[in-house]
Amino acid sequence: LDELLAAIALELPDVTAATDAPGAVTWSRGGKAFATVSADGATASFALDVAVAAAAARTPDVAASQRGPGWVDFTPAELDDHAADRAGAWFASAHRRLGPKD
């Protein structure tokens, strides 16, 4: 997950990445965190629109996060194409939420 999300982050505007002491990475836009990945790369968390988060929480390997409303934790048993697609879509969606409003 960590390599996948890092690659996607390179393609998006206004993304800042910070790594903490244990090695977890947090991605931010405009000073607000929108995604994280654990130091072991096994779990990614995304700050989604509340309705999107509710739907995401009903998919395999996803649970509501203790980070707060709209955050979900994704711990795929296997990072197959379907899991990678979901992670990429949620990462991009979380990033878009913090962008300029039209």
N, C-alpha and C. Protein backbone atom coordinates (compact mmCIF):
# COMPACT_ATOMS: atom_id res chain seq x y z
N LEU A 1 0.81 -1.20 0.00
CA LEU A 1 0.00 0.00 0.00
C LEU A 1 0.86 1.26 0.00
N ASP A 2 1.93 1.24 0.77
CA ASP A 2 2.73 2.46 0.88
C ASP A 2 3.32 2.87 -0.46
N GLU A 3 3.85 1.92 -1.23
CA GLU A 3 4.43 2.25 -2.53
C GLU A 3 3.35 2.71 -3.52
N LEU A 4 2.21 2.06 -3.50
CA LEU A 4 1.10 2.43 -4.37
C LEU A 4 0.65 3.86 -4.09
N LEU A 5 0.42 4.18 -2.84
CA LEU A 5 -0.07 5.52 -2.49
C LEU A 5 0.99 6.59 -2.73
N ALA A 6 2.24 6.27 -2.48
CA ALA A 6 3.32 7.23 -2.75
C ALA A 6 3.39 7.56 -4.23
N ALA A 7 3.19 6.57 -5.08
CA ALA A 7 3.21 6.80 -6.53
C ALA A 7 2.02 7.66 -6.97
N ILE A 8 0.85 7.40 -6.40
CA ILE A 8 -0.33 8.20 -6.74
C ILE A 8 -0.14 9.64 -6.28
N ALA A 9 0.43 9.82 -5.10
CA ALA A 9 0.64 11.16 -4.55
C ALA A 9 1.50 12.02 -5.47
N LEU A 10 2.45 11.40 -6.16
CA LEU A 10 3.31 12.14 -7.07
C LEU A 10 2.54 12.73 -8.24
N GLU A 11 1.40 12.16 -8.56
CA GLU A 11 0.60 12.61 -9.70
C GLU A 11 -0.44 13.67 -9.33
N LEU A 12 -0.60 13.95 -8.04
CA LEU A 12 -1.63 14.88 -7.58
C LEU A 12 -1.02 16.22 -7.16
N PRO A 13 -1.76 17.31 -7.37
CA PRO A 13 -1.22 18.62 -6.99
C PRO A 13 -1.33 18.88 -5.49
N ASP A 14 -0.43 19.72 -5.02
CA ASP A 14 -0.50 20.26 -3.64
C ASP A 14 -0.49 19.19 -2.56
N VAL A 15 0.32 18.15 -2.73
CA VAL A 15 0.40 17.09 -1.74
C VAL A 15 1.70 17.21 -0.97
N THR A 16 1.59 17.12 0.34
CA THR A 16 2.75 17.10 1.22
C THR A 16 2.75 15.77 1.95
N ALA A 17 3.90 15.13 2.02
CA ALA A 17 4.02 13.87 2.75
C ALA A 17 4.95 14.06 3.93
N ALA A 18 4.57 13.48 5.06
CA ALA A 18 5.41 13.53 6.26
C ALA A 18 5.49 12.13 6.84
N THR A 19 6.70 11.75 7.24
CA THR A 19 6.92 10.44 7.84
C THR A 19 7.24 10.62 9.31
N ASP A 20 6.54 9.87 10.18
CA ASP A 20 6.81 9.99 11.62
C ASP A 20 7.95 9.03 12.00
N ALA A 21 8.34 9.07 13.28
CA ALA A 21 9.47 8.28 13.76
C ALA A 21 9.33 6.78 13.50
N PRO A 22 8.14 6.18 13.73
CA PRO A 22 8.04 4.75 13.44
C PRO A 22 8.02 4.43 11.94
N GLY A 23 7.75 5.42 11.09
CA GLY A 23 7.76 5.20 9.65
C GLY A 23 6.41 5.30 8.98
N ALA A 24 5.37 5.66 9.71
CA ALA A 24 4.06 5.89 9.10
C ALA A 24 4.12 7.17 8.27
N VAL A 25 3.37 7.19 7.17
CA VAL A 25 3.35 8.36 6.29
C VAL A 25 1.96 8.98 6.33
N THR A 26 1.93 10.31 6.40
CA THR A 26 0.68 11.05 6.33
C THR A 26 0.77 12.01 5.15
N TRP A 27 -0.26 11.99 4.31
CA TRP A 27 -0.34 12.91 3.18
C TRP A 27 -1.35 14.00 3.52
N SER A 28 -0.98 15.24 3.18
CA SER A 28 -1.81 16.41 3.48
C SER A 28 -1.97 17.27 2.24
N ARG A 29 -3.02 18.07 2.28
CA ARG A 29 -3.25 19.09 1.26
C ARG A 29 -3.76 20.32 1.99
N GLY A 30 -3.11 21.45 1.77
CA GLY A 30 -3.51 22.67 2.44
C GLY A 30 -3.38 22.56 3.95
N GLY A 31 -2.43 21.77 4.41
CA GLY A 31 -2.21 21.63 5.85
C GLY A 31 -3.14 20.66 6.55
N LYS A 32 -4.02 20.00 5.80
CA LYS A 32 -4.97 19.05 6.39
C LYS A 32 -4.67 17.64 5.89
N ALA A 33 -4.57 16.71 6.83
CA ALA A 33 -4.29 15.32 6.48
C ALA A 33 -5.49 14.71 5.76
N PHE A 34 -5.20 13.94 4.71
CA PHE A 34 -6.28 13.26 4.01
C PHE A 34 -6.05 11.75 3.89
N ALA A 35 -4.83 11.29 4.15
CA ALA A 35 -4.56 9.86 4.07
C ALA A 35 -3.30 9.53 4.86
N THR A 36 -3.26 8.30 5.36
CA THR A 36 -2.06 7.81 6.05
C THR A 36 -1.85 6.36 5.66
N VAL A 37 -0.63 5.90 5.85
CA VAL A 37 -0.34 4.48 5.72
C VAL A 37 0.56 4.11 6.89
N SER A 38 0.28 2.97 7.50
CA SER A 38 1.03 2.52 8.66
C SER A 38 2.49 2.24 8.29
N ALA A 39 3.34 2.22 9.29
CA ALA A 39 4.76 2.00 9.07
C ALA A 39 5.03 0.67 8.36
N ASP A 40 4.21 -0.34 8.63
CA ASP A 40 4.41 -1.64 7.98
C ASP A 40 3.74 -1.73 6.61
N GLY A 41 3.03 -0.68 6.21
CA GLY A 41 2.39 -0.64 4.91
C GLY A 41 1.14 -1.50 4.80
N ALA A 42 0.66 -2.03 5.90
CA ALA A 42 -0.48 -2.94 5.87
C ALA A 42 -1.83 -2.24 5.91
N THR A 43 -1.89 -1.05 6.51
CA THR A 43 -3.16 -0.35 6.68
C THR A 43 -3.05 1.08 6.18
N ALA A 44 -4.01 1.45 5.35
CA ALA A 44 -4.12 2.84 4.90
C ALA A 44 -5.42 3.41 5.46
N SER A 45 -5.38 4.67 5.81
CA SER A 45 -6.57 5.37 6.31
C SER A 45 -6.83 6.56 5.40
N PHE A 46 -8.12 6.80 5.13
CA PHE A 46 -8.51 7.86 4.21
C PHE A 46 -9.60 8.71 4.84
N ALA A 47 -9.51 10.04 4.64
CA ALA A 47 -10.52 10.98 5.11
C ALA A 47 -11.48 11.24 3.96
N LEU A 48 -12.60 10.55 3.96
CA LEU A 48 -13.57 10.63 2.87
C LEU A 48 -14.78 11.45 3.25
N ASP A 49 -15.55 11.86 2.26
CA ASP A 49 -16.86 12.42 2.52
C ASP A 49 -17.61 11.40 3.37
N VAL A 50 -18.41 11.85 4.32
CA VAL A 50 -19.08 10.94 5.26
C VAL A 50 -19.91 9.88 4.53
N ALA A 51 -20.61 10.27 3.46
CA ALA A 51 -21.43 9.29 2.72
C ALA A 51 -20.54 8.26 2.01
N VAL A 52 -19.43 8.70 1.46
CA VAL A 52 -18.51 7.79 0.79
C VAL A 52 -17.87 6.86 1.82
N ALA A 53 -17.53 7.39 2.98
CA ALA A 53 -16.94 6.57 4.04
C ALA A 53 -17.91 5.50 4.51
N ALA A 54 -19.18 5.85 4.61
CA ALA A 54 -20.19 4.88 5.03
C ALA A 54 -20.29 3.74 4.02
N ALA A 55 -20.24 4.06 2.75
CA ALA A 55 -20.28 3.02 1.72
C ALA A 55 -18.99 2.21 1.74
N ALA A 56 -17.85 2.88 1.88
CA ALA A 56 -16.57 2.18 1.91
C ALA A 56 -16.50 1.19 3.07
N ALA A 57 -17.06 1.58 4.20
CA ALA A 57 -17.01 0.73 5.40
C ALA A 57 -17.78 -0.58 5.21
N ARG A 58 -18.60 -0.66 4.17
CA ARG A 58 -19.35 -1.89 3.89
C ARG A 58 -18.62 -2.80 2.91
N THR A 59 -17.41 -2.41 2.50
CA THR A 59 -16.64 -3.24 1.58
C THR A 59 -15.64 -4.08 2.37
N PRO A 60 -15.16 -5.18 1.77
CA PRO A 60 -14.22 -6.06 2.48
C PRO A 60 -12.97 -5.32 2.93
N ASP A 61 -12.48 -5.70 4.08
CA ASP A 61 -11.21 -5.22 4.64
C ASP A 61 -11.22 -3.75 5.05
N VAL A 62 -12.41 -3.16 5.21
CA VAL A 62 -12.52 -1.74 5.58
C VAL A 62 -13.33 -1.61 6.86
N ALA A 63 -12.90 -0.68 7.72
CA ALA A 63 -13.61 -0.40 8.96
C ALA A 63 -13.58 1.10 9.21
N ALA A 64 -14.58 1.58 9.94
CA ALA A 64 -14.56 2.98 10.37
C ALA A 64 -13.31 3.19 11.22
N SER A 65 -12.67 4.31 11.04
CA SER A 65 -11.44 4.61 11.76
C SER A 65 -11.72 5.37 13.05
N GLN A 66 -10.84 5.19 13.99
CA GLN A 66 -10.93 5.96 15.24
C GLN A 66 -10.45 7.39 15.05
N ARG A 67 -9.98 7.72 13.86
CA ARG A 67 -9.51 9.09 13.58
C ARG A 67 -10.65 10.09 13.58
N GLY A 68 -11.88 9.62 13.34
CA GLY A 68 -13.02 10.53 13.37
C GLY A 68 -13.97 10.28 12.22
N PRO A 69 -15.04 11.09 12.17
CA PRO A 69 -16.06 10.94 11.12
C PRO A 69 -15.44 11.08 9.73
N GLY A 70 -15.83 10.18 8.84
CA GLY A 70 -15.34 10.22 7.47
C GLY A 70 -14.06 9.45 7.24
N TRP A 71 -13.36 9.09 8.28
CA TRP A 71 -12.11 8.34 8.13
C TRP A 71 -12.42 6.85 8.12
N VAL A 72 -11.77 6.13 7.20
CA VAL A 72 -11.87 4.67 7.16
C VAL A 72 -10.47 4.08 7.14
N ASP A 73 -10.36 2.88 7.71
CA ASP A 73 -9.11 2.12 7.69
C ASP A 73 -9.26 0.97 6.72
N PHE A 74 -8.29 0.81 5.85
CA PHE A 74 -8.31 -0.24 4.83
C PHE A 74 -7.10 -1.13 5.04
N THR A 75 -7.36 -2.39 5.38
CA THR A 75 -6.30 -3.37 5.60
C THR A 75 -6.58 -4.58 4.71
N PRO A 76 -6.19 -4.50 3.45
CA PRO A 76 -6.51 -5.60 2.53
C PRO A 76 -5.73 -6.87 2.89
N ALA A 77 -6.42 -8.00 2.84
CA ALA A 77 -5.77 -9.29 3.07
C ALA A 77 -4.75 -9.54 1.96
N GLU A 78 -5.07 -9.06 0.76
CA GLU A 78 -4.18 -9.19 -0.39
C GLU A 78 -4.32 -7.92 -1.22
N LEU A 79 -3.21 -7.37 -1.65
CA LEU A 79 -3.26 -6.16 -2.48
C LEU A 79 -3.35 -6.57 -3.95
N ASP A 80 -4.51 -7.12 -4.31
CA ASP A 80 -4.76 -7.50 -5.70
C ASP A 80 -5.23 -6.26 -6.46
N ASP A 81 -5.59 -6.46 -7.73
CA ASP A 81 -6.01 -5.32 -8.55
C ASP A 81 -7.22 -4.60 -7.99
N HIS A 82 -8.18 -5.35 -7.45
CA HIS A 82 -9.39 -4.74 -6.89
C HIS A 82 -9.06 -3.89 -5.66
N ALA A 83 -8.22 -4.41 -4.79
CA ALA A 83 -7.83 -3.66 -3.59
C ALA A 83 -7.02 -2.42 -3.98
N ALA A 84 -6.13 -2.57 -4.95
CA ALA A 84 -5.33 -1.42 -5.40
C ALA A 84 -6.23 -0.35 -6.01
N ASP A 85 -7.22 -0.77 -6.78
CA ASP A 85 -8.16 0.19 -7.37
C ASP A 85 -8.93 0.95 -6.30
N ARG A 86 -9.41 0.24 -5.29
CA ARG A 86 -10.14 0.91 -4.20
C ARG A 86 -9.24 1.89 -3.46
N ALA A 87 -8.04 1.45 -3.12
CA ALA A 87 -7.11 2.33 -2.40
C ALA A 87 -6.80 3.58 -3.22
N GLY A 88 -6.55 3.40 -4.51
CA GLY A 88 -6.27 4.55 -5.37
C GLY A 88 -7.44 5.50 -5.48
N ALA A 89 -8.64 4.95 -5.62
CA ALA A 89 -9.84 5.79 -5.73
C ALA A 89 -10.09 6.55 -4.44
N TRP A 90 -9.94 5.88 -3.31
CA TRP A 90 -10.17 6.55 -2.03
C TRP A 90 -9.11 7.61 -1.76
N PHE A 91 -7.87 7.34 -2.12
CA PHE A 91 -6.80 8.32 -1.95
C PHE A 91 -7.11 9.58 -2.77
N ALA A 92 -7.48 9.38 -4.03
CA ALA A 92 -7.80 10.52 -4.89
C ALA A 92 -9.04 11.27 -4.41
N SER A 93 -10.03 10.54 -3.94
CA SER A 93 -11.25 11.17 -3.43
C SER A 93 -10.95 12.01 -2.19
N ALA A 94 -10.15 11.47 -1.29
CA ALA A 94 -9.78 12.20 -0.07
C ALA A 94 -9.00 13.47 -0.44
N HIS A 95 -8.12 13.36 -1.41
CA HIS A 95 -7.35 14.51 -1.88
C HIS A 95 -8.26 15.58 -2.48
N ARG A 96 -9.20 15.17 -3.34
CA ARG A 96 -10.13 16.11 -3.98
C ARG A 96 -10.98 16.88 -2.97
N ARG A 97 -11.38 16.22 -1.89
CA ARG A 97 -12.21 16.88 -0.87
C ARG A 97 -11.57 18.16 -0.34
N LEU A 98 -10.25 18.18 -0.32
CA LEU A 98 -9.55 19.32 0.27
C LEU A 98 -9.11 20.34 -0.77
N GLY A 99 -9.53 20.15 -2.01
CA GLY A 99 -9.16 21.07 -3.07
C GLY A 99 -10.08 22.26 -3.15
N PRO A 100 -9.78 23.14 -4.10
CA PRO A 100 -10.62 24.33 -4.29
C PRO A 100 -12.05 23.93 -4.64
N LYS A 101 -12.98 24.68 -4.13
CA LYS A 101 -14.40 24.45 -4.43
C LYS A 101 -14.79 25.32 -5.62
N ASP A 102 -15.49 24.72 -6.57
CA ASP A 102 -15.91 25.48 -7.76
C ASP A 102 -17.06 26.41 -7.45
